[in-house]
Amino acid sequence: MKTVSIEGKEQIEEIIRSCDICNLGVIDNDNKPYVVPMNFGYHDEYIYLHGADFGKLIECMKANPEVCITFCTASELVFQNEHVACSYRMKGKSVVARGKIEFITDYDQKVDALNITMAQYTDKKFTYNSPAVRNVEIYRLKPEELTAKEFAAPHGNNFPWQVERDKKKSMRDQ
């Protein structure tokens, strides 16, 4: 079993869409990390988040919009030899997105962002009352850096993206 990088945009988006929550990491006013699990929406390479218009999280992002968002698929304990502790691993996939948060203040754009978020969880259509939209803080991230990995992948995976990556490495080595 090994850890492999995932480079294909479709595979990365599939991981993001398969998750129920993400973890939003910010830096607080004491220069310490602060991480909050959140619901999210994903559309056109943007990650959409929402929350209260007050509190520690929003204060941190307004002071420093640089954030890190992580996504992890459901994990599964696997092993190569049940009697060897070092052969146990958690099998799963993850995505790490970094960049600057952008706050959305336009009413119609906020409604669109709420709809994108709800589409992550249900096919139902919703309407929102005006005070709810005005009083919610909506922010989004278009990642400047996006990485993904698969953990406890079997040796010899032949995913199309791996075959292409290995061809490129082979060509560089010649």
C-alpha atoms as a PDB file:
ATOM      1  CA  MET A   1       0.000   0.000   0.000  1.00  0.00           C
ATOM      2  CA  LYS A   2       1.243   3.446  -0.819  1.00  0.00           C
ATOM      3  CA  THR A   3       0.262   7.100  -0.946  1.00  0.00           C
ATOM      4  CA  VAL A   4      -0.141   8.510  -4.437  1.00  0.00           C
ATOM      5  CA  SER A   5      -0.777  12.008  -5.716  1.00  0.00           C
ATOM      6  CA  ILE A   6      -3.956  12.593  -7.673  1.00  0.00           C
ATOM      7  CA  GLU A   7      -3.484  15.112 -10.439  1.00  0.00           C
ATOM      8  CA  GLY A   8      -6.572  14.824 -12.634  1.00  0.00           C
ATOM      9  CA  LYS A   9      -9.098  17.638 -12.246  1.00  0.00           C
ATOM     10  CA  GLU A  10     -12.037  15.224 -12.607  1.00  0.00           C
ATOM     11  CA  GLN A  11     -10.694  12.921  -9.890  1.00  0.00           C
ATOM     12  CA  ILE A  12     -10.093  15.859  -7.548  1.00  0.00           C
ATOM     13  CA  GLU A  13     -13.604  17.210  -8.122  1.00  0.00           C
ATOM     14  CA  GLU A  14     -15.043  13.718  -7.553  1.00  0.00           C
ATOM     15  CA  ILE A  15     -13.371  13.615  -4.129  1.00  0.00           C
ATOM     16  CA  ILE A  16     -14.711  17.068  -3.221  1.00  0.00           C
ATOM     17  CA  ARG A  17     -18.250  16.225  -4.326  1.00  0.00           C
ATOM     18  CA  SER A  18     -18.203  12.954  -2.379  1.00  0.00           C
ATOM     19  CA  CYS A  19     -17.581  14.716   0.941  1.00  0.00           C
ATOM     20  CA  ASP A  20     -20.243  15.894   3.387  1.00  0.00           C
ATOM     21  CA  ILE A  21     -18.060  18.409   5.208  1.00  0.00           C
ATOM     22  CA  CYS A  22     -14.823  20.257   4.745  1.00  0.00           C
ATOM     23  CA  ASN A  23     -12.474  21.675   7.353  1.00  0.00           C
ATOM     24  CA  LEU A  24     -11.707  25.372   7.062  1.00  0.00           C
ATOM     25  CA  GLY A  25      -8.385  26.445   8.553  1.00  0.00           C
ATOM     26  CA  VAL A  26      -7.597  30.068   9.338  1.00  0.00           C
ATOM     27  CA  ILE A  27      -5.038  31.955  11.427  1.00  0.00           C
ATOM     28  CA  ASP A  28      -6.431  33.726  14.488  1.00  0.00           C
ATOM     29  CA  ASN A  29      -5.412  37.080  15.948  1.00  0.00           C
ATOM     30  CA  ASP A  30      -2.787  35.344  18.128  1.00  0.00           C
ATOM     31  CA  ASN A  31      -1.222  33.848  14.972  1.00  0.00           C
ATOM     32  CA  LYS A  32      -2.460  30.377  15.904  1.00  0.00           C
ATOM     33  CA  PRO A  33      -4.325  27.953  13.645  1.00  0.00           C
ATOM     34  CA  TYR A  34      -8.098  27.675  14.039  1.00  0.00           C
ATOM     35  CA  VAL A  35      -9.976  24.941  12.155  1.00  0.00           C
ATOM     36  CA  VAL A  36     -13.750  24.572  11.820  1.00  0.00           C
ATOM     37  CA  PRO A  37     -15.730  21.763  10.124  1.00  0.00           C
ATOM     38  CA  MET A  38     -18.257  23.216   7.703  1.00  0.00           C
ATOM     39  CA  ASN A  39     -20.902  22.408   5.119  1.00  0.00           C
ATOM     40  CA  PHE A  40     -19.968  23.644   1.672  1.00  0.00           C
ATOM     41  CA  GLY A  41     -20.941  23.910  -1.957  1.00  0.00           C
ATOM     42  CA  TYR A  42     -18.736  23.390  -4.993  1.00  0.00           C
ATOM     43  CA  HIS A  43     -19.330  24.841  -8.457  1.00  0.00           C
ATOM     44  CA  ASP A  44     -17.138  26.035 -11.337  1.00  0.00           C
ATOM     45  CA  GLU A  45     -13.930  25.512  -9.326  1.00  0.00           C
ATOM     46  CA  TYR A  46     -15.209  27.620  -6.396  1.00  0.00           C
ATOM     47  CA  ILE A  47     -15.771  26.325  -2.874  1.00  0.00           C
ATOM     48  CA  TYR A  48     -18.706  28.126  -1.230  1.00  0.00           C
ATOM     49  CA  LEU A  49     -19.114  28.490   2.546  1.00  0.00           C
ATOM     50  CA  HIS A  50     -21.522  30.341   4.768  1.00  0.00           C
ATOM     51  CA  GLY A  51     -22.013  31.173   8.416  1.00  0.00           C
ATOM     52  CA  ALA A  52     -22.815  33.788  10.982  1.00  0.00           C
ATOM     53  CA  ASP A  53     -21.815  37.371  10.264  1.00  0.00           C
ATOM     54  CA  PHE A  54     -20.067  37.564  13.658  1.00  0.00           C
ATOM     55  CA  GLY A  55     -17.693  35.438  15.712  1.00  0.00           C
ATOM     56  CA  LYS A  56     -14.112  34.241  15.779  1.00  0.00           C
ATOM     57  CA  LEU A  57     -14.096  32.562  12.354  1.00  0.00           C
ATOM     58  CA  ILE A  58     -15.371  35.573  10.437  1.00  0.00           C
ATOM     59  CA  GLU A  59     -13.054  37.912  12.385  1.00  0.00           C
ATOM     60  CA  CYS A  60     -10.074  35.726  11.454  1.00  0.00           C
ATOM     61  CA  MET A  61     -10.951  35.673   7.747  1.00  0.00           C
ATOM     62  CA  LYS A  62     -11.534  39.418   7.594  1.00  0.00           C
ATOM     63  CA  ALA A  63      -8.164  40.036   9.275  1.00  0.00           C
ATOM     64  CA  ASN A  64      -6.368  37.473   7.097  1.00  0.00           C
ATOM     65  CA  PRO A  65      -8.231  36.013   4.093  1.00  0.00           C
ATOM     66  CA  GLU A  66      -5.559  33.316   3.486  1.00  0.00           C
ATOM     67  CA  VAL A  67      -7.190  29.972   4.283  1.00  0.00           C
ATOM     68  CA  CYS A  68      -6.728  26.251   3.869  1.00  0.00           C
ATOM     69  CA  ILE A  69      -9.679  23.938   3.225  1.00  0.00           C
ATOM     70  CA  THR A  70      -9.389  20.157   3.463  1.00  0.00           C
ATOM     71  CA  PHE A  71     -11.726  17.417   2.265  1.00  0.00           C
ATOM     72  CA  CYS A  72     -11.444  13.752   3.278  1.00  0.00           C
ATOM     73  CA  THR A  73     -13.435  10.801   2.007  1.00  0.00           C
ATOM     74  CA  ALA A  74     -14.722   8.172   4.400  1.00  0.00           C
ATOM     75  CA  SER A  75     -11.772   6.128   5.618  1.00  0.00           C
ATOM     76  CA  GLU A  76     -11.345   2.397   5.981  1.00  0.00           C
ATOM     77  CA  LEU A  77      -8.795   0.548   8.098  1.00  0.00           C
ATOM     78  CA  VAL A  78      -6.762  -1.815   5.915  1.00  0.00           C
ATOM     79  CA  PHE A  79      -3.646  -3.918   6.415  1.00  0.00           C
ATOM     80  CA  GLN A  80      -1.225  -6.080   4.483  1.00  0.00           C
ATOM     81  CA  ASN A  81      -0.554  -8.463   7.370  1.00  0.00           C
ATOM     82  CA  GLU A  82      -2.969  -8.577  10.296  1.00  0.00           C
ATOM     83  CA  HIS A  83      -0.130  -9.494  12.695  1.00  0.00           C
ATOM     84  CA  VAL A  84       2.156  -6.584  11.756  1.00  0.00           C
ATOM     85  CA  ALA A  85       1.115  -3.267  13.276  1.00  0.00           C
ATOM     86  CA  CYS A  86       3.149  -1.202  10.791  1.00  0.00           C
ATOM     87  CA  SER A  87       1.209  -2.698   7.875  1.00  0.00           C
ATOM     88  CA  TYR A  88      -2.068  -1.058   8.994  1.00  0.00           C
ATOM     89  CA  ARG A  89      -3.186   2.132   7.267  1.00  0.00           C
ATOM     90  CA  MET A  90      -6.289   4.192   6.767  1.00  0.00           C
ATOM     91  CA  LYS A  91      -7.472   3.964   3.177  1.00  0.00           C
ATOM     92  CA  GLY A  92      -9.059   7.084   1.715  1.00  0.00           C
ATOM     93  CA  LYS A  93      -8.577  10.191  -0.370  1.00  0.00           C
ATOM     94  CA  SER A  94      -8.080  13.843   0.494  1.00  0.00           C
ATOM     95  CA  VAL A  95      -7.918  17.250  -1.137  1.00  0.00           C
ATOM     96  CA  VAL A  96      -6.182  20.352   0.211  1.00  0.00           C
ATOM     97  CA  ALA A  97      -7.163  23.763  -1.193  1.00  0.00           C
ATOM     98  CA  ARG A  98      -5.332  26.986  -0.347  1.00  0.00           C
ATOM     99  CA  GLY A  99      -6.005  30.580  -1.290  1.00  0.00           C
ATOM    100  CA  LYS A 100      -7.763  33.803  -0.325  1.00  0.00           C
ATOM    101  CA  ILE A 101     -11.386  33.949   0.749  1.00  0.00           C
ATOM    102  CA  GLU A 102     -13.629  36.302  -1.202  1.00  0.00           C
ATOM    103  CA  PHE A 103     -16.704  37.680   0.571  1.00  0.00           C
ATOM    104  CA  ILE A 104     -19.964  37.797  -1.368  1.00  0.00           C
ATOM    105  CA  THR A 105     -22.195  40.741  -0.515  1.00  0.00           C
ATOM    106  CA  ASP A 106     -24.557  40.969  -3.504  1.00  0.00           C
ATOM    107  CA  TYR A 107     -27.994  39.612  -2.528  1.00  0.00           C
ATOM    108  CA  ASP A 108     -28.581  37.585  -5.710  1.00  0.00           C
ATOM    109  CA  GLN A 109     -25.067  36.132  -5.612  1.00  0.00           C
ATOM    110  CA  LYS A 110     -25.647  35.121  -1.998  1.00  0.00           C
ATOM    111  CA  VAL A 111     -28.837  33.289  -3.015  1.00  0.00           C
ATOM    112  CA  ASP A 112     -26.931  31.556  -5.820  1.00  0.00           C
ATOM    113  CA  ALA A 113     -24.233  30.490  -3.331  1.00  0.00           C
ATOM    114  CA  LEU A 114     -26.844  29.124  -0.923  1.00  0.00           C
ATOM    115  CA  ASN A 115     -28.401  27.142  -3.786  1.00  0.00           C
ATOM    116  CA  ILE A 116     -24.977  25.762  -4.741  1.00  0.00           C
ATOM    117  CA  THR A 117     -24.435  24.706  -1.143  1.00  0.00           C
ATOM    118  CA  MET A 118     -27.827  23.015  -0.867  1.00  0.00           C
ATOM    119  CA  ALA A 119     -27.199  21.196  -4.176  1.00  0.00           C
ATOM    120  CA  GLN A 120     -24.236  19.495  -2.484  1.00  0.00           C
ATOM    121  CA  TYR A 121     -26.694  17.713  -0.180  1.00  0.00           C
ATOM    122  CA  THR A 122     -30.084  17.481  -1.893  1.00  0.00           C
ATOM    123  CA  ASP A 123     -31.887  17.831  -5.220  1.00  0.00           C
ATOM    124  CA  LYS A 124     -34.644  19.906  -3.594  1.00  0.00           C
ATOM    125  CA  LYS A 125     -35.132  23.548  -4.590  1.00  0.00           C
ATOM    126  CA  PHE A 126     -35.402  26.223  -1.915  1.00  0.00           C
ATOM    127  CA  THR A 127     -36.465  29.805  -1.411  1.00  0.00           C
ATOM    128  CA  TYR A 128     -34.942  32.038   1.242  1.00  0.00           C
ATOM    129  CA  ASN A 129     -36.449  34.876   3.207  1.00  0.00           C
ATOM    130  CA  SER A 130     -34.804  38.243   2.826  1.00  0.00           C
ATOM    131  CA  PRO A 131     -33.571  38.656   6.439  1.00  0.00           C
ATOM    132  CA  ALA A 132     -31.899  35.230   6.330  1.00  0.00           C
ATOM    133  CA  VAL A 133     -29.988  36.129   3.166  1.00  0.00           C
ATOM    134  CA  ARG A 134     -29.027  39.593   4.408  1.00  0.00           C
ATOM    135  CA  ASN A 135     -27.820  38.276   7.779  1.00  0.00           C
ATOM    136  CA  VAL A 136     -25.720  35.348   6.573  1.00  0.00           C
ATOM    137  CA  GLU A 137     -22.076  35.776   5.658  1.00  0.00           C
ATOM    138  CA  ILE A 138     -21.222  34.061   2.373  1.00  0.00           C
ATOM    139  CA  TYR A 139     -17.657  33.526   1.223  1.00  0.00           C
ATOM    140  CA  ARG A 140     -15.948  31.506  -1.436  1.00  0.00           C
ATOM    141  CA  LEU A 141     -12.538  30.289  -2.421  1.00  0.00           C
ATOM    142  CA  LYS A 142     -11.133  29.719  -5.874  1.00  0.00           C
ATOM    143  CA  PRO A 143      -8.082  27.696  -4.876  1.00  0.00           C
ATOM    144  CA  GLU A 144      -4.691  29.069  -5.825  1.00  0.00           C
ATOM    145  CA  GLU A 145      -3.229  25.701  -4.854  1.00  0.00           C
ATOM    146  CA  LEU A 146      -5.108  22.402  -5.047  1.00  0.00           C
ATOM    147  CA  THR A 147      -3.548  19.039  -4.196  1.00  0.00           C
ATOM    148  CA  ALA A 148      -5.004  15.579  -3.690  1.00  0.00           C
ATOM    149  CA  LYS A 149      -3.794  12.192  -2.485  1.00  0.00           C
ATOM    150  CA  GLU A 150      -4.980   8.640  -2.168  1.00  0.00           C
ATOM    151  CA  PHE A 151      -3.811   6.788   0.939  1.00  0.00           C
ATOM    152  CA  ALA A 152      -3.246   3.022   1.133  1.00  0.00           C
ATOM    153  CA  ALA A 153      -3.495   2.650  -2.613  1.00  0.00           C
ATOM    154  CA  PRO A 154      -2.528  -0.806  -3.797  1.00  0.00           C
ATOM    155  CA  HIS A 155       0.835  -1.060  -5.509  1.00  0.00           C
ATOM    156  CA  GLY A 156       0.490  -1.193  -9.259  1.00  0.00           C
ATOM    157  CA  ASN A 157      -2.591   1.027  -9.643  1.00  0.00           C
ATOM    158  CA  ASN A 158      -3.237   1.692 -13.276  1.00  0.00           C
ATOM    159  CA  PHE A 159      -5.560   4.647 -13.057  1.00  0.00           C
ATOM    160  CA  PRO A 160      -5.469   6.669 -16.299  1.00  0.00           C
ATOM    161  CA  TRP A 161      -3.994   9.692 -14.520  1.00  0.00           C
ATOM    162  CA  GLN A 162      -1.224   7.521 -13.006  1.00  0.00           C
ATOM    163  CA  VAL A 163      -0.331   5.943 -16.330  1.00  0.00           C
ATOM    164  CA  GLU A 164      -0.082   9.415 -17.914  1.00  0.00           C
ATOM    165  CA  ARG A 165       1.995  10.725 -14.983  1.00  0.00           C
ATOM    166  CA  ASP A 166       4.339   7.730 -15.153  1.00  0.00           C
ATOM    167  CA  LYS A 167       4.782   8.232 -18.923  1.00  0.00           C
ATOM    168  CA  LYS A 168       5.764  11.871 -18.319  1.00  0.00           C
ATOM    169  CA  LYS A 169       8.259  10.856 -15.620  1.00  0.00           C
ATOM    170  CA  SER A 170       9.709   8.177 -17.871  1.00  0.00           C
ATOM    171  CA  MET A 171      10.127  10.662 -20.733  1.00  0.00           C
ATOM    172  CA  ARG A 172      11.870  13.164 -18.426  1.00  0.00           C
ATOM    173  CA  ASP A 173      14.251  10.482 -17.166  1.00  0.00           C
ATOM    174  CA  GLN A 174      15.431   9.566 -20.682  1.00  0.00           C
END
